[in-house]
């Protein structure tokens, strides 16, 4: 019959074996675990009779041990209740170019939605552009918005608030096709 010291040694070794197995699974075999964050501002642009387009800077962090690829995204507005599909992707909102000491803004370079790979324990970022497919009017209220990023492994969401004022709407009407930044509030 094992002694008390023998039982303690057995318990410690089984505990360390279980703990090392859990750590090994967590770091080597666990599926993708994507965390989505939204940038400080969302650009809203009044473009057509359908309604405004939204540009959202997103960063993706994969805390899982396997790669994932974001293949689609959607933006859900609360009022009016509408879902905007992903229409375009860009690396930045725009750039600045210097020419003989003069800085000029260069236009944003868009591409059709392309897959966004996120390596295991890695990060990726993109500006996602959402354009409506049906007519709607943006209201001057505090909007609850959800962005959803989809991959083969699952869907990841981020909820945030945009407080659109009457002044913001007037500015959009006065300068259509211009990007208007609205501060992101209360991400969760």
C-alpha atoms as a PDB file:
ATOM      1  CA  UNK A   1       0.000   0.000   0.000  1.00  0.00           C
ATOM      2  CA  UNK A   2       1.479   3.385  -1.037  1.00  0.00           C
ATOM      3  CA  UNK A   3       2.448   5.781   1.676  1.00  0.00           C
ATOM      4  CA  UNK A   4       0.969   9.218   2.159  1.00  0.00           C
ATOM      5  CA  UNK A   5       3.976  10.741   0.364  1.00  0.00           C
ATOM      6  CA  UNK A   6       3.378   8.353  -2.564  1.00  0.00           C
ATOM      7  CA  UNK A   7      -0.265   9.500  -2.905  1.00  0.00           C
ATOM      8  CA  UNK A   8       0.776  13.148  -2.825  1.00  0.00           C
ATOM      9  CA  UNK A   9       3.425  12.514  -5.503  1.00  0.00           C
ATOM     10  CA  UNK A  10       0.857  10.695  -7.672  1.00  0.00           C
ATOM     11  CA  UNK A  11      -1.665  13.545  -7.291  1.00  0.00           C
ATOM     12  CA  UNK A  12       0.953  16.180  -8.161  1.00  0.00           C
ATOM     13  CA  UNK A  13       2.157  14.259 -11.216  1.00  0.00           C
ATOM     14  CA  UNK A  14      -1.429  13.713 -12.478  1.00  0.00           C
ATOM     15  CA  UNK A  15      -2.213  17.401 -11.948  1.00  0.00           C
ATOM     16  CA  UNK A  16       0.917  18.505 -13.823  1.00  0.00           C
ATOM     17  CA  UNK A  17       0.210  16.025 -16.639  1.00  0.00           C
ATOM     18  CA  UNK A  18      -3.362  17.347 -16.998  1.00  0.00           C
ATOM     19  CA  UNK A  19      -2.204  20.959 -16.890  1.00  0.00           C
ATOM     20  CA  UNK A  20       0.517  20.407 -19.508  1.00  0.00           C
ATOM     21  CA  UNK A  21      -2.018  18.592 -21.750  1.00  0.00           C
ATOM     22  CA  UNK A  22      -4.407  21.548 -21.473  1.00  0.00           C
ATOM     23  CA  UNK A  23      -1.630  24.051 -22.305  1.00  0.00           C
ATOM     24  CA  UNK A  24      -0.519  21.907 -25.265  1.00  0.00           C
ATOM     25  CA  UNK A  25      -4.088  21.783 -26.639  1.00  0.00           C
ATOM     26  CA  UNK A  26      -4.609  25.515 -26.057  1.00  0.00           C
ATOM     27  CA  UNK A  27      -1.418  26.531 -27.883  1.00  0.00           C
ATOM     28  CA  UNK A  28      -1.286  23.884 -30.651  1.00  0.00           C
ATOM     29  CA  UNK A  29      -4.759  22.531 -31.483  1.00  0.00           C
ATOM     30  CA  UNK A  30      -7.395  25.036 -30.462  1.00  0.00           C
ATOM     31  CA  UNK A  31      -9.463  26.399 -33.340  1.00  0.00           C
ATOM     32  CA  UNK A  32      -9.497  30.046 -34.399  1.00  0.00           C
ATOM     33  CA  UNK A  33     -10.623  32.509 -31.740  1.00  0.00           C
ATOM     34  CA  UNK A  34     -11.102  35.838 -33.504  1.00  0.00           C
ATOM     35  CA  UNK A  35     -11.480  39.111 -31.616  1.00  0.00           C
ATOM     36  CA  UNK A  36     -12.813  41.981 -33.697  1.00  0.00           C
ATOM     37  CA  UNK A  37     -12.201  45.642 -32.843  1.00  0.00           C
ATOM     38  CA  UNK A  38     -13.513  48.760 -34.568  1.00  0.00           C
ATOM     39  CA  UNK A  39     -11.434  51.916 -35.116  1.00  0.00           C
ATOM     40  CA  UNK A  40     -12.033  55.305 -33.474  1.00  0.00           C
ATOM     41  CA  UNK A  41     -14.202  56.688 -36.292  1.00  0.00           C
ATOM     42  CA  UNK A  42     -16.631  55.378 -38.890  1.00  0.00           C
ATOM     43  CA  UNK A  43     -16.784  57.269 -42.178  1.00  0.00           C
ATOM     44  CA  UNK A  44     -20.271  57.887 -43.512  1.00  0.00           C
ATOM     45  CA  UNK A  45     -20.668  59.088 -47.089  1.00  0.00           C
ATOM     46  CA  UNK A  46     -23.894  60.151 -48.740  1.00  0.00           C
ATOM     47  CA  UNK A  47     -23.529  58.665 -52.213  1.00  0.00           C
ATOM     48  CA  UNK A  48     -26.749  57.724 -53.963  1.00  0.00           C
ATOM     49  CA  UNK A  49     -30.484  57.791 -53.549  1.00  0.00           C
ATOM     50  CA  UNK A  50     -30.202  54.450 -51.722  1.00  0.00           C
ATOM     51  CA  UNK A  51     -28.595  55.815 -48.590  1.00  0.00           C
ATOM     52  CA  UNK A  52     -25.144  56.381 -47.146  1.00  0.00           C
ATOM     53  CA  UNK A  53     -22.193  54.028 -47.285  1.00  0.00           C
ATOM     54  CA  UNK A  54     -20.231  53.196 -44.147  1.00  0.00           C
ATOM     55  CA  UNK A  55     -16.479  52.637 -43.877  1.00  0.00           C
ATOM     56  CA  UNK A  56     -15.350  50.793 -40.753  1.00  0.00           C
ATOM     57  CA  UNK A  57     -11.717  50.206 -39.793  1.00  0.00           C
ATOM     58  CA  UNK A  58     -11.484  46.712 -38.332  1.00  0.00           C
ATOM     59  CA  UNK A  59      -8.664  44.871 -36.653  1.00  0.00           C
ATOM     60  CA  UNK A  60      -8.808  41.122 -36.186  1.00  0.00           C
ATOM     61  CA  UNK A  61      -6.787  39.260 -33.564  1.00  0.00           C
ATOM     62  CA  UNK A  62      -6.652  35.467 -33.658  1.00  0.00           C
ATOM     63  CA  UNK A  63      -5.962  34.013 -30.222  1.00  0.00           C
ATOM     64  CA  UNK A  64      -6.467  30.485 -31.526  1.00  0.00           C
ATOM     65  CA  UNK A  65      -3.838  27.991 -32.660  1.00  0.00           C
ATOM     66  CA  UNK A  66      -5.202  27.689 -36.221  1.00  0.00           C
ATOM     67  CA  UNK A  67      -5.452  30.186 -39.062  1.00  0.00           C
ATOM     68  CA  UNK A  68      -8.785  31.614 -40.157  1.00  0.00           C
ATOM     69  CA  UNK A  69      -9.911  33.595 -43.193  1.00  0.00           C
ATOM     70  CA  UNK A  70     -12.613  36.255 -43.014  1.00  0.00           C
ATOM     71  CA  UNK A  71     -14.658  35.738 -46.176  1.00  0.00           C
ATOM     72  CA  UNK A  72     -17.611  38.092 -45.661  1.00  0.00           C
ATOM     73  CA  UNK A  73     -18.995  40.764 -43.356  1.00  0.00           C
ATOM     74  CA  UNK A  74     -22.222  42.653 -42.704  1.00  0.00           C
ATOM     75  CA  UNK A  75     -23.210  45.800 -40.838  1.00  0.00           C
ATOM     76  CA  UNK A  76     -26.531  45.806 -38.931  1.00  0.00           C
ATOM     77  CA  UNK A  77     -28.130  49.174 -38.115  1.00  0.00           C
ATOM     78  CA  UNK A  78     -30.887  49.486 -35.531  1.00  0.00           C
ATOM     79  CA  UNK A  79     -32.918  52.385 -36.913  1.00  0.00           C
ATOM     80  CA  UNK A  80     -33.962  51.826 -39.551  1.00  0.00           C
ATOM     81  CA  UNK A  81     -33.440  48.119 -39.059  1.00  0.00           C
ATOM     82  CA  UNK A  82     -31.309  47.284 -42.066  1.00  0.00           C
ATOM     83  CA  UNK A  83     -28.314  45.096 -42.931  1.00  0.00           C
ATOM     84  CA  UNK A  84     -25.641  46.494 -45.226  1.00  0.00           C
ATOM     85  CA  UNK A  85     -23.499  43.965 -47.114  1.00  0.00           C
ATOM     86  CA  UNK A  86     -19.743  44.186 -47.506  1.00  0.00           C
ATOM     87  CA  UNK A  87     -19.109  45.850 -50.863  1.00  0.00           C
ATOM     88  CA  UNK A  88     -15.472  46.929 -50.902  1.00  0.00           C
ATOM     89  CA  UNK A  89     -12.250  46.560 -48.945  1.00  0.00           C
ATOM     90  CA  UNK A  90      -9.300  48.933 -48.660  1.00  0.00           C
ATOM     91  CA  UNK A  91      -6.080  49.001 -46.671  1.00  0.00           C
ATOM     92  CA  UNK A  92      -6.523  52.621 -45.541  1.00  0.00           C
ATOM     93  CA  UNK A  93      -9.059  55.439 -45.659  1.00  0.00           C
ATOM     94  CA  UNK A  94      -6.658  57.327 -47.943  1.00  0.00           C
ATOM     95  CA  UNK A  95      -3.071  58.481 -48.116  1.00  0.00           C
ATOM     96  CA  UNK A  96      -1.006  61.628 -48.338  1.00  0.00           C
ATOM     97  CA  UNK A  97       1.581  62.187 -51.016  1.00  0.00           C
ATOM     98  CA  UNK A  98       4.375  64.746 -50.838  1.00  0.00           C
ATOM     99  CA  UNK A  99       5.433  66.606 -53.972  1.00  0.00           C
ATOM    100  CA  UNK A 100       8.089  69.333 -53.601  1.00  0.00           C
ATOM    101  CA  UNK A 101       7.099  70.046 -50.013  1.00  0.00           C
ATOM    102  CA  UNK A 102       3.361  70.137 -50.759  1.00  0.00           C
ATOM    103  CA  UNK A 103       1.174  67.424 -49.282  1.00  0.00           C
ATOM    104  CA  UNK A 104      -1.822  66.260 -51.301  1.00  0.00           C
ATOM    105  CA  UNK A 105      -4.346  63.656 -50.341  1.00  0.00           C
ATOM    106  CA  UNK A 106      -4.559  60.679 -52.645  1.00  0.00           C
ATOM    107  CA  UNK A 107      -7.794  58.785 -53.091  1.00  0.00           C
ATOM    108  CA  UNK A 108      -8.594  55.571 -51.313  1.00  0.00           C
ATOM    109  CA  UNK A 109      -7.764  52.477 -53.335  1.00  0.00           C
ATOM    110  CA  UNK A 110     -10.649  50.006 -53.183  1.00  0.00           C
ATOM    111  CA  UNK A 111     -10.881  46.378 -54.142  1.00  0.00           C
ATOM    112  CA  UNK A 112     -13.800  44.022 -54.322  1.00  0.00           C
ATOM    113  CA  UNK A 113     -14.241  42.038 -51.101  1.00  0.00           C
ATOM    114  CA  UNK A 114     -11.282  39.716 -50.769  1.00  0.00           C
ATOM    115  CA  UNK A 115     -10.602  37.119 -48.079  1.00  0.00           C
ATOM    116  CA  UNK A 116      -8.699  38.480 -45.080  1.00  0.00           C
ATOM    117  CA  UNK A 117      -6.344  35.796 -43.682  1.00  0.00           C
ATOM    118  CA  UNK A 118      -5.517  35.850 -39.983  1.00  0.00           C
ATOM    119  CA  UNK A 119      -2.631  33.634 -38.934  1.00  0.00           C
ATOM    120  CA  UNK A 120      -2.677  31.608 -35.740  1.00  0.00           C
ATOM    121  CA  UNK A 121      -1.802  33.934 -32.856  1.00  0.00           C
ATOM    122  CA  UNK A 122      -1.694  36.746 -35.451  1.00  0.00           C
ATOM    123  CA  UNK A 123      -3.409  39.962 -36.428  1.00  0.00           C
ATOM    124  CA  UNK A 124      -4.866  41.549 -39.560  1.00  0.00           C
ATOM    125  CA  UNK A 125      -6.591  44.841 -40.358  1.00  0.00           C
ATOM    126  CA  UNK A 126      -8.728  46.266 -43.146  1.00  0.00           C
ATOM    127  CA  UNK A 127     -11.191  49.032 -43.886  1.00  0.00           C
ATOM    128  CA  UNK A 128     -14.544  47.445 -44.706  1.00  0.00           C
ATOM    129  CA  UNK A 129     -16.985  49.423 -46.867  1.00  0.00           C
ATOM    130  CA  UNK A 130     -20.705  48.696 -46.591  1.00  0.00           C
ATOM    131  CA  UNK A 131     -23.151  49.980 -49.235  1.00  0.00           C
ATOM    132  CA  UNK A 132     -26.941  49.602 -48.998  1.00  0.00           C
ATOM    133  CA  UNK A 133     -28.938  47.563 -51.472  1.00  0.00           C
ATOM    134  CA  UNK A 134     -32.238  49.272 -50.648  1.00  0.00           C
ATOM    135  CA  UNK A 135     -33.290  52.852 -49.917  1.00  0.00           C
ATOM    136  CA  UNK A 136     -33.099  54.112 -46.358  1.00  0.00           C
ATOM    137  CA  UNK A 137     -32.651  57.430 -44.573  1.00  0.00           C
ATOM    138  CA  UNK A 138     -30.104  57.765 -41.799  1.00  0.00           C
ATOM    139  CA  UNK A 139     -31.661  59.293 -38.692  1.00  0.00           C
ATOM    140  CA  UNK A 140     -30.132  61.731 -36.236  1.00  0.00           C
ATOM    141  CA  UNK A 141     -30.138  59.427 -33.194  1.00  0.00           C
ATOM    142  CA  UNK A 142     -27.817  57.274 -31.128  1.00  0.00           C
ATOM    143  CA  UNK A 143     -27.437  54.168 -33.330  1.00  0.00           C
ATOM    144  CA  UNK A 144     -26.710  50.695 -31.962  1.00  0.00           C
ATOM    145  CA  UNK A 145     -24.656  48.963 -34.661  1.00  0.00           C
ATOM    146  CA  UNK A 146     -23.322  45.429 -34.999  1.00  0.00           C
ATOM    147  CA  UNK A 147     -20.579  44.395 -37.367  1.00  0.00           C
ATOM    148  CA  UNK A 148     -20.367  40.703 -38.184  1.00  0.00           C
ATOM    149  CA  UNK A 149     -17.301  39.047 -39.727  1.00  0.00           C
ATOM    150  CA  UNK A 150     -17.808  35.566 -41.137  1.00  0.00           C
ATOM    151  CA  UNK A 151     -15.402  32.740 -41.844  1.00  0.00           C
ATOM    152  CA  UNK A 152     -15.707  29.015 -42.403  1.00  0.00           C
ATOM    153  CA  UNK A 153     -15.131  28.481 -38.669  1.00  0.00           C
ATOM    154  CA  UNK A 154     -17.807  30.862 -37.413  1.00  0.00           C
ATOM    155  CA  UNK A 155     -19.124  34.401 -37.094  1.00  0.00           C
ATOM    156  CA  UNK A 156     -17.575  37.055 -34.873  1.00  0.00           C
ATOM    157  CA  UNK A 157     -19.426  40.198 -33.817  1.00  0.00           C
ATOM    158  CA  UNK A 158     -18.645  43.601 -32.387  1.00  0.00           C
ATOM    159  CA  UNK A 159     -21.316  45.985 -31.085  1.00  0.00           C
ATOM    160  CA  UNK A 160     -20.756  49.731 -30.991  1.00  0.00           C
ATOM    161  CA  UNK A 161     -22.629  53.025 -30.858  1.00  0.00           C
ATOM    162  CA  UNK A 162     -22.611  55.944 -33.316  1.00  0.00           C
ATOM    163  CA  UNK A 163     -24.227  59.152 -32.161  1.00  0.00           C
ATOM    164  CA  UNK A 164     -25.338  60.815 -35.426  1.00  0.00           C
ATOM    165  CA  UNK A 165     -26.408  64.422 -34.892  1.00  0.00           C
ATOM    166  CA  UNK A 166     -28.628  66.692 -36.959  1.00  0.00           C
ATOM    167  CA  UNK A 167     -25.496  68.706 -37.794  1.00  0.00           C
ATOM    168  CA  UNK A 168     -23.846  65.562 -39.162  1.00  0.00           C
ATOM    169  CA  UNK A 169     -26.828  64.968 -41.454  1.00  0.00           C
ATOM    170  CA  UNK A 170     -26.797  68.599 -42.651  1.00  0.00           C
ATOM    171  CA  UNK A 171     -23.066  68.333 -43.421  1.00  0.00           C
ATOM    172  CA  UNK A 172     -23.662  65.126 -45.386  1.00  0.00           C
ATOM    173  CA  UNK A 173     -26.428  66.819 -47.398  1.00  0.00           C
ATOM    174  CA  UNK A 174     -24.242  69.871 -48.052  1.00  0.00           C
ATOM    175  CA  UNK A 175     -21.250  67.811 -49.263  1.00  0.00           C
ATOM    176  CA  UNK A 176     -22.384  64.529 -50.767  1.00  0.00           C
ATOM    177  CA  UNK A 177     -19.637  62.119 -51.813  1.00  0.00           C
ATOM    178  CA  UNK A 178     -17.446  63.483 -49.014  1.00  0.00           C
ATOM    179  CA  UNK A 179     -16.482  61.238 -46.094  1.00  0.00           C
ATOM    180  CA  UNK A 180     -17.818  62.363 -42.716  1.00  0.00           C
ATOM    181  CA  UNK A 181     -16.184  60.828 -39.626  1.00  0.00           C
ATOM    182  CA  UNK A 182     -18.439  59.921 -36.700  1.00  0.00           C
ATOM    183  CA  UNK A 183     -16.810  58.929 -33.383  1.00  0.00           C
ATOM    184  CA  UNK A 184     -17.347  55.317 -32.265  1.00  0.00           C
ATOM    185  CA  UNK A 185     -18.671  54.974 -28.721  1.00  0.00           C
ATOM    186  CA  UNK A 186     -19.185  52.062 -26.324  1.00  0.00           C
ATOM    187  CA  UNK A 187     -17.594  49.086 -28.110  1.00  0.00           C
ATOM    188  CA  UNK A 188     -18.391  45.674 -26.696  1.00  0.00           C
END
